[in-house]
PDB file of N, CA and C in Angstrom:
ATOM      1  N   MET A   1    -203.120 237.833 -52.779  1.00  0.00           N
ATOM      2  CA  MET A   1    -203.087 236.405 -53.017  1.00  0.00           C
ATOM      3  C   MET A   1    -204.473 235.937 -53.458  1.00  0.00           C
ATOM      4  N   PHE A   2    -204.479 234.864 -54.198  1.00  0.00           N
ATOM      5  CA  PHE A   2    -205.722 234.262 -54.650  1.00  0.00           C
ATOM      6  C   PHE A   2    -205.964 233.019 -53.805  1.00  0.00           C
ATOM      7  N   PHE A   3    -206.930 233.105 -52.917  1.00  0.00           N
ATOM      8  CA  PHE A   3    -207.112 232.042 -51.945  1.00  0.00           C
ATOM      9  C   PHE A   3    -207.903 230.864 -52.473  1.00  0.00           C
ATOM     10  N   GLY A   4    -208.788 231.043 -53.428  1.00  0.00           N
ATOM     11  CA  GLY A   4    -209.581 229.940 -53.933  1.00  0.00           C
ATOM     12  C   GLY A   4    -208.932 229.221 -55.101  1.00  0.00           C
ATOM     13  N   LEU A   5    -207.771 229.676 -55.537  1.00  0.00           N
ATOM     14  CA  LEU A   5    -207.151 229.136 -56.731  1.00  0.00           C
ATOM     15  C   LEU A   5    -206.627 227.721 -56.528  1.00  0.00           C
ATOM     16  N   GLU A   6    -206.043 227.414 -55.410  1.00  0.00           N
ATOM     17  CA  GLU A   6    -205.488 226.088 -55.167  1.00  0.00           C
ATOM     18  C   GLU A   6    -206.593 225.039 -55.074  1.00  0.00           C
ATOM     19  N   PHE A   7    -207.752 225.441 -54.630  1.00  0.00           N
ATOM     20  CA  PHE A   7    -208.864 224.507 -54.491  1.00  0.00           C
ATOM     21  C   PHE A   7    -209.211 223.891 -55.841  1.00  0.00           C
ATOM     22  N   LYS A   8    -209.200 224.683 -56.906  1.00  0.00           N
ATOM     23  CA  LYS A   8    -209.609 224.189 -58.209  1.00  0.00           C
ATOM     24  C   LYS A   8    -208.487 223.558 -59.006  1.00  0.00           C
ATOM     25  N   THR A   9    -207.263 223.936 -58.789  1.00  0.00           N
ATOM     26  CA  THR A   9    -206.222 223.564 -59.727  1.00  0.00           C
ATOM     27  C   THR A   9    -205.519 222.260 -59.414  1.00  0.00           C
ATOM     28  N   LYS A  10    -205.194 221.977 -58.198  1.00  0.00           N
ATOM     29  CA  LYS A  10    -204.270 220.890 -57.913  1.00  0.00           C
ATOM     30  C   LYS A  10    -204.899 219.608 -57.394  1.00  0.00           C
ATOM     31  N   LYS A  11    -206.037 219.668 -56.784  1.00  0.00           N
ATOM     32  CA  LYS A  11    -206.558 218.491 -56.094  1.00  0.00           C
ATOM     33  C   LYS A  11    -207.582 217.754 -56.946  1.00  0.00           C
ATOM     34  N   THR A  12    -207.598 216.443 -56.780  1.00  0.00           N
ATOM     35  CA  THR A  12    -208.585 215.627 -57.473  1.00  0.00           C
ATOM     36  C   THR A  12    -209.890 215.614 -56.687  1.00  0.00           C
ATOM     37  N   VAL A  13    -210.926 215.144 -57.330  1.00  0.00           N
ATOM     38  CA  VAL A  13    -212.225 215.067 -56.677  1.00  0.00           C
ATOM     39  C   VAL A  13    -212.159 214.118 -55.486  1.00  0.00           C
ATOM     40  N   LYS A  14    -211.393 213.051 -55.630  1.00  0.00           N
ATOM     41  CA  LYS A  14    -211.270 212.083 -54.541  1.00  0.00           C
ATOM     42  C   LYS A  14    -210.618 212.716 -53.311  1.00  0.00           C
ATOM     43  N   GLU A  15    -209.560 213.510 -53.507  1.00  0.00           N
ATOM     44  CA  GLU A  15    -208.900 214.169 -52.376  1.00  0.00           C
ATOM     45  C   GLU A  15    -209.835 215.158 -51.696  1.00  0.00           C
ATOM     46  N   LEU A  16    -210.555 215.936 -52.493  1.00  0.00           N
ATOM     47  CA  LEU A  16    -211.479 216.917 -51.928  1.00  0.00           C
ATOM     48  C   LEU A  16    -212.642 216.236 -51.218  1.00  0.00           C
ATOM     49  N   ARG A  17    -213.091 215.112 -51.775  1.00  0.00           N
ATOM     50  CA  ARG A  17    -214.175 214.349 -51.158  1.00  0.00           C
ATOM     51  C   ARG A  17    -213.732 213.758 -49.830  1.00  0.00           C
ATOM     52  N   LYS A  18    -212.512 213.239 -49.773  1.00  0.00           N
ATOM     53  CA  LYS A  18    -211.981 212.662 -48.541  1.00  0.00           C
ATOM     54  C   LYS A  18    -211.748 213.737 -47.480  1.00  0.00           C
ATOM     55  N   ASN A  19    -211.371 214.951 -47.909  1.00  0.00           N
ATOM     56  CA  ASN A  19    -211.191 216.044 -46.952  1.00  0.00           C
ATOM     57  C   ASN A  19    -212.495 216.412 -46.258  1.00  0.00           C
ATOM     58  N   GLN A  20    -213.609 216.218 -46.938  1.00  0.00           N
ATOM     59  CA  GLN A  20    -214.920 216.487 -46.346  1.00  0.00           C
ATOM     60  C   GLN A  20    -215.501 215.254 -45.659  1.00  0.00           C
ATOM     61  N   SER A  21    -214.750 214.157 -45.636  1.00  0.00           N
ATOM     62  CA  SER A  21    -215.166 212.885 -45.027  1.00  0.00           C
ATOM     63  C   SER A  21    -216.439 212.339 -45.669  1.00  0.00           C
ATOM     64  N   LEU A  22    -216.499 212.404 -46.979  1.00  0.00           N
ATOM     65  CA  LEU A  22    -217.639 211.890 -47.724  1.00  0.00           C
ATOM     66  C   LEU A  22    -217.228 210.658 -48.517  1.00  0.00           C
ATOM     67  N   THR A  23    -218.088 209.663 -48.544  1.00  0.00           N
ATOM     68  CA  THR A  23    -217.858 208.527 -49.417  1.00  0.00           C
ATOM     69  C   THR A  23    -218.454 208.868 -50.786  1.00  0.00           C
ATOM     70  N   ALA A  24    -218.162 208.035 -51.761  1.00  0.00           N
ATOM     71  CA  ALA A  24    -218.683 208.282 -53.107  1.00  0.00           C
ATOM     72  C   ALA A  24    -220.208 208.197 -53.119  1.00  0.00           C
ATOM     73  N   SER A  25    -220.755 207.281 -52.357  1.00  0.00           N
ATOM     74  CA  SER A  25    -222.216 207.153 -52.333  1.00  0.00           C
ATOM     75  C   SER A  25    -222.874 208.330 -51.607  1.00  0.00           C
ATOM     76  N   GLU A  26    -222.248 208.850 -50.559  1.00  0.00           N
ATOM     77  CA  GLU A  26    -222.800 210.020 -49.875  1.00  0.00           C
ATOM     78  C   GLU A  26    -222.778 211.251 -50.773  1.00  0.00           C
ATOM     79  N   LEU A  27    -221.684 211.430 -51.505  1.00  0.00           N
ATOM     80  CA  LEU A  27    -221.594 212.562 -52.428  1.00  0.00           C
ATOM     81  C   LEU A  27    -222.620 212.413 -53.542  1.00  0.00           C
ATOM     82  N   ALA A  28    -222.804 211.198 -54.027  1.00  0.00           N
ATOM     83  CA  ALA A  28    -223.799 210.959 -55.071  1.00  0.00           C
ATOM     84  C   ALA A  28    -225.213 211.248 -54.562  1.00  0.00           C
ATOM     85  N   ASP A  29    -225.494 210.919 -53.320  1.00  0.00           N
ATOM     86  CA  ASP A  29    -226.806 211.216 -52.748  1.00  0.00           C
ATOM     87  C   ASP A  29    -227.040 212.716 -52.639  1.00  0.00           C
ATOM     88  N   LYS A  30    -226.021 213.457 -52.252  1.00  0.00           N
ATOM     89  CA  LYS A  30    -226.163 214.909 -52.131  1.00  0.00           C
ATOM     90  C   LYS A  30    -226.376 215.568 -53.490  1.00  0.00           C
ATOM     91  N   LEU A  31    -225.768 215.007 -54.539  1.00  0.00           N
ATOM     92  CA  LEU A  31    -225.893 215.561 -55.885  1.00  0.00           C
ATOM     93  C   LEU A  31    -227.038 214.946 -56.675  1.00  0.00           C
ATOM     94  N   LYS A  32    -227.679 213.923 -56.109  1.00  0.00           N
ATOM     95  CA  LYS A  32    -228.752 213.176 -56.769  1.00  0.00           C
ATOM     96  C   LYS A  32    -228.250 212.560 -58.074  1.00  0.00           C
ATOM     97  N   LEU A  33    -227.086 211.906 -57.991  1.00  0.00           N
ATOM     98  CA  LEU A  33    -226.480 211.185 -59.107  1.00  0.00           C
ATOM     99  C   LEU A  33    -226.258 209.736 -58.702  1.00  0.00           C
ATOM    100  N   ASP A  34    -225.827 208.926 -59.653  1.00  0.00           N
ATOM    101  CA  ASP A  34    -225.451 207.547 -59.349  1.00  0.00           C
ATOM    102  C   ASP A  34    -224.030 207.506 -58.802  1.00  0.00           C
ATOM    103  N   THR A  35    -223.747 206.537 -57.974  1.00  0.00           N
ATOM    104  CA  THR A  35    -222.408 206.373 -57.412  1.00  0.00           C
ATOM    105  C   THR A  35    -221.388 206.103 -58.507  1.00  0.00           C
ATOM    106  N   VAL A  36    -221.800 205.425 -59.558  1.00  0.00           N
ATOM    107  CA  VAL A  36    -220.904 205.117 -60.670  1.00  0.00           C
ATOM    108  C   VAL A  36    -220.413 206.403 -61.341  1.00  0.00           C
ATOM    109  N   ASP A  37    -221.288 207.398 -61.440  1.00  0.00           N
ATOM    110  CA  ASP A  37    -220.891 208.673 -62.045  1.00  0.00           C
ATOM    111  C   ASP A  37    -219.816 209.369 -61.219  1.00  0.00           C
ATOM    112  N   ILE A  38    -219.912 209.288 -59.914  1.00  0.00           N
ATOM    113  CA  ILE A  38    -218.908 209.896 -59.041  1.00  0.00           C
ATOM    114  C   ILE A  38    -217.586 209.141 -59.153  1.00  0.00           C
ATOM    115  N   LEU A  39    -217.653 207.827 -59.212  1.00  0.00           N
ATOM    116  CA  LEU A  39    -216.436 207.034 -59.316  1.00  0.00           C
ATOM    117  C   LEU A  39    -215.719 207.255 -60.645  1.00  0.00           C
ATOM    118  N   LYS A  40    -216.452 207.607 -61.697  1.00  0.00           N
ATOM    119  CA  LYS A  40    -215.837 207.897 -62.987  1.00  0.00           C
ATOM    120  C   LYS A  40    -214.989 209.164 -62.948  1.00  0.00           C
ATOM    121  N   ILE A  41    -215.424 210.158 -62.181  1.00  0.00           N
ATOM    122  CA  ILE A  41    -214.709 211.435 -62.142  1.00  0.00           C
ATOM    123  C   ILE A  41    -213.801 211.546 -60.930  1.00  0.00           C
ATOM    124  N   ASP A  42    -213.701 210.492 -60.138  1.00  0.00           N
ATOM    125  CA  ASP A  42    -212.952 210.528 -58.884  1.00  0.00           C
ATOM    126  C   ASP A  42    -211.477 210.894 -59.062  1.00  0.00           C
ATOM    127  N   ASN A  43    -210.838 210.419 -60.105  1.00  0.00           N
ATOM    128  CA  ASN A  43    -209.407 210.667 -60.285  1.00  0.00           C
ATOM    129  C   ASN A  43    -209.105 211.862 -61.175  1.00  0.00           C
ATOM    130  N   GLN A  44    -210.106 212.658 -61.513  1.00  0.00           N
ATOM    131  CA  GLN A  44    -209.885 213.856 -62.320  1.00  0.00           C
ATOM    132  C   GLN A  44    -209.751 215.073 -61.417  1.00  0.00           C
ATOM    133  N   ARG A  45    -209.014 216.057 -61.912  1.00  0.00           N
ATOM    134  CA  ARG A  45    -208.958 217.321 -61.189  1.00  0.00           C
ATOM    135  C   ARG A  45    -210.288 218.037 -61.341  1.00  0.00           C
ATOM    136  N   LEU A  46    -210.600 218.876 -60.391  1.00  0.00           N
ATOM    137  CA  LEU A  46    -211.877 219.580 -60.419  1.00  0.00           C
ATOM    138  C   LEU A  46    -211.963 220.508 -61.621  1.00  0.00           C
ATOM    139  N   ARG A  47    -210.858 221.109 -62.014  1.00  0.00           N
ATOM    140  CA  ARG A  47    -210.888 222.037 -63.145  1.00  0.00           C
ATOM    141  C   ARG A  47    -211.072 221.327 -64.477  1.00  0.00           C
ATOM    142  N   ASP A  48    -210.820 220.025 -64.545  1.00  0.00           N
ATOM    143  CA  ASP A  48    -210.960 219.272 -65.785  1.00  0.00           C
ATOM    144  C   ASP A  48    -212.375 218.745 -66.010  1.00  0.00           C
ATOM    145  N   ILE A  49    -213.253 218.931 -65.062  1.00  0.00           N
ATOM    146  CA  ILE A  49    -214.630 218.449 -65.159  1.00  0.00           C
ATOM    147  C   ILE A  49    -215.468 219.512 -65.866  1.00  0.00           C
ATOM    148  N   SER A  50    -216.421 219.070 -66.674  1.00  0.00           N
ATOM    149  CA  SER A  50    -217.261 220.010 -67.411  1.00  0.00           C
ATOM    150  C   SER A  50    -218.077 220.889 -66.458  1.00  0.00           C
ATOM    151  N   GLU A  51    -218.467 222.032 -66.946  1.00  0.00           N
ATOM    152  CA  GLU A  51    -219.029 223.095 -66.113  1.00  0.00           C
ATOM    153  C   GLU A  51    -220.314 222.736 -65.365  1.00  0.00           C
ATOM    154  N   PRO A  52    -221.322 222.136 -65.939  1.00  0.00           N
ATOM    155  CA  PRO A  52    -222.530 221.913 -65.119  1.00  0.00           C
ATOM    156  C   PRO A  52    -222.266 221.049 -63.888  1.00  0.00           C
ATOM    157  N   LEU A  53    -221.451 220.023 -64.058  1.00  0.00           N
ATOM    158  CA  LEU A  53    -221.149 219.148 -62.932  1.00  0.00           C
ATOM    159  C   LEU A  53    -220.215 219.827 -61.941  1.00  0.00           C
ATOM    160  N   ARG A  54    -219.258 220.606 -62.440  1.00  0.00           N
ATOM    161  CA  ARG A  54    -218.314 221.304 -61.557  1.00  0.00           C
ATOM    162  C   ARG A  54    -219.043 222.294 -60.655  1.00  0.00           C
ATOM    163  N   SER A  55    -220.023 223.006 -61.203  1.00  0.00           N
ATOM    164  CA  SER A  55    -220.749 223.975 -60.387  1.00  0.00           C
ATOM    165  C   SER A  55    -221.612 223.290 -59.327  1.00  0.00           C
ATOM    166  N   MET A  56    -222.008 222.046 -59.559  1.00  0.00           N
ATOM    167  CA  MET A  56    -222.746 221.298 -58.543  1.00  0.00           C
ATOM    168  C   MET A  56    -221.800 220.747 -57.477  1.00  0.00           C
ATOM    169  N   LEU A  57    -220.602 220.340 -57.877  1.00  0.00           N
ATOM    170  CA  LEU A  57    -219.640 219.733 -56.961  1.00  0.00           C
ATOM    171  C   LEU A  57    -218.966 220.737 -56.028  1.00  0.00           C
ATOM    172  N   THR A  58    -218.655 221.910 -56.540  1.00  0.00           N
ATOM    173  CA  THR A  58    -217.824 222.871 -55.811  1.00  0.00           C
ATOM    174  C   THR A  58    -218.363 223.232 -54.429  1.00  0.00           C
ATOM    175  N   PRO A  59    -219.624 223.612 -54.261  1.00  0.00           N
ATOM    176  CA  PRO A  59    -220.077 223.965 -52.904  1.00  0.00           C
ATOM    177  C   PRO A  59    -220.017 222.810 -51.911  1.00  0.00           C
ATOM    178  N   ILE A  60    -220.262 221.606 -52.391  1.00  0.00           N
ATOM    179  CA  ILE A  60    -220.244 220.455 -51.485  1.00  0.00           C
ATOM    180  C   ILE A  60    -218.815 220.113 -51.088  1.00  0.00           C
ATOM    181  N   LEU A  61    -217.898 220.156 -52.055  1.00  0.00           N
ATOM    182  CA  LEU A  61    -216.512 219.813 -51.760  1.00  0.00           C
ATOM    183  C   LEU A  61    -215.805 220.899 -50.959  1.00  0.00           C
ATOM    184  N   ARG A  62    -216.309 222.124 -50.998  1.00  0.00           N
ATOM    185  CA  ARG A  62    -215.756 223.192 -50.164  1.00  0.00           C
ATOM    186  C   ARG A  62    -216.328 223.162 -48.756  1.00  0.00           C
ATOM    187  N   GLY A  63    -217.479 222.527 -48.588  1.00  0.00           N
ATOM    188  CA  GLY A  63    -218.104 222.452 -47.268  1.00  0.00           C
ATOM    189  C   GLY A  63    -219.111 223.556 -47.029  1.00  0.00           C
ATOM    190  N   ASP A  64    -219.573 224.205 -48.090  1.00  0.00           N
ATOM    191  CA  ASP A  64    -220.542 225.290 -47.938  1.00  0.00           C
ATOM    192  C   ASP A  64    -221.883 224.809 -47.394  1.00  0.00           C
ATOM    193  N   TYR A  65    -222.211 223.552 -47.651  1.00  0.00           N
ATOM    194  CA  TYR A  65    -223.496 223.036 -47.184  1.00  0.00           C
ATOM    195  C   TYR A  65    -223.533 222.962 -45.661  1.00  0.00           C
ATOM    196  N   MET A  66    -222.381 222.940 -45.012  1.00  0.00           N
ATOM    197  CA  MET A  66    -222.328 222.876 -43.551  1.00  0.00           C
ATOM    198  C   MET A  66    -222.686 224.206 -42.906  1.00  0.00           C
ATOM    199  N   ASN A  67    -222.616 225.303 -43.642  1.00  0.00           N
ATOM    200  CA  ASN A  67    -222.920 226.617 -43.083  1.00  0.00           C
ATOM    201  C   ASN A  67    -224.398 226.776 -42.759  1.00  0.00           C
ATOM    202  N   ASN A  68    -225.255 226.015 -43.398  1.00  0.00           N
ATOM    203  CA  ASN A  68    -226.691 226.157 -43.207  1.00  0.00           C
ATOM    204  C   ASN A  68    -227.242 225.231 -42.134  1.00  0.00           C
ATOM    205  N   MET A  69    -226.396 224.489 -41.463  1.00  0.00           N
ATOM    206  CA  MET A  69    -226.844 223.566 -40.424  1.00  0.00           C
ATOM    207  C   MET A  69    -227.214 224.358 -39.165  1.00  0.00           C
ATOM    208  N   THR A  70    -228.318 224.001 -38.587  1.00  0.00           N
ATOM    209  CA  THR A  70    -228.707 224.604 -37.316  1.00  0.00           C
ATOM    210  C   THR A  70    -228.492 223.573 -36.222  1.00  0.00           C
ATOM    211  N   TRP A  71    -227.817 223.960 -35.212  1.00  0.00           N
ATOM    212  CA  TRP A  71    -227.508 223.051 -34.108  1.00  0.00           C
ATOM    213  C   TRP A  71    -228.444 223.353 -32.961  1.00  0.00           C
ATOM    214  N   LEU A  72    -229.122 222.331 -32.500  1.00  0.00           N
ATOM    215  CA  LEU A  72    -230.106 222.519 -31.424  1.00  0.00           C
ATOM    216  C   LEU A  72    -229.504 222.198 -30.099  1.00  0.00           C
TER     217      LEU A  72
END
């Protein structure tokens, strides 16, 4: 089975962002973009977004950034 395939094909950026409990402004801060840019791509599927932006979005929307957190 291909486990990462559903992540890219069916869900919109808004659904993936909500699954990570991120607002548009929080996601924009993590990517160092404007909130307006995130709102423009919110209703598009992840696979329909151009490559430079998609490669920046994917780790955050998957939750990879949480793996590096150290809990004291």
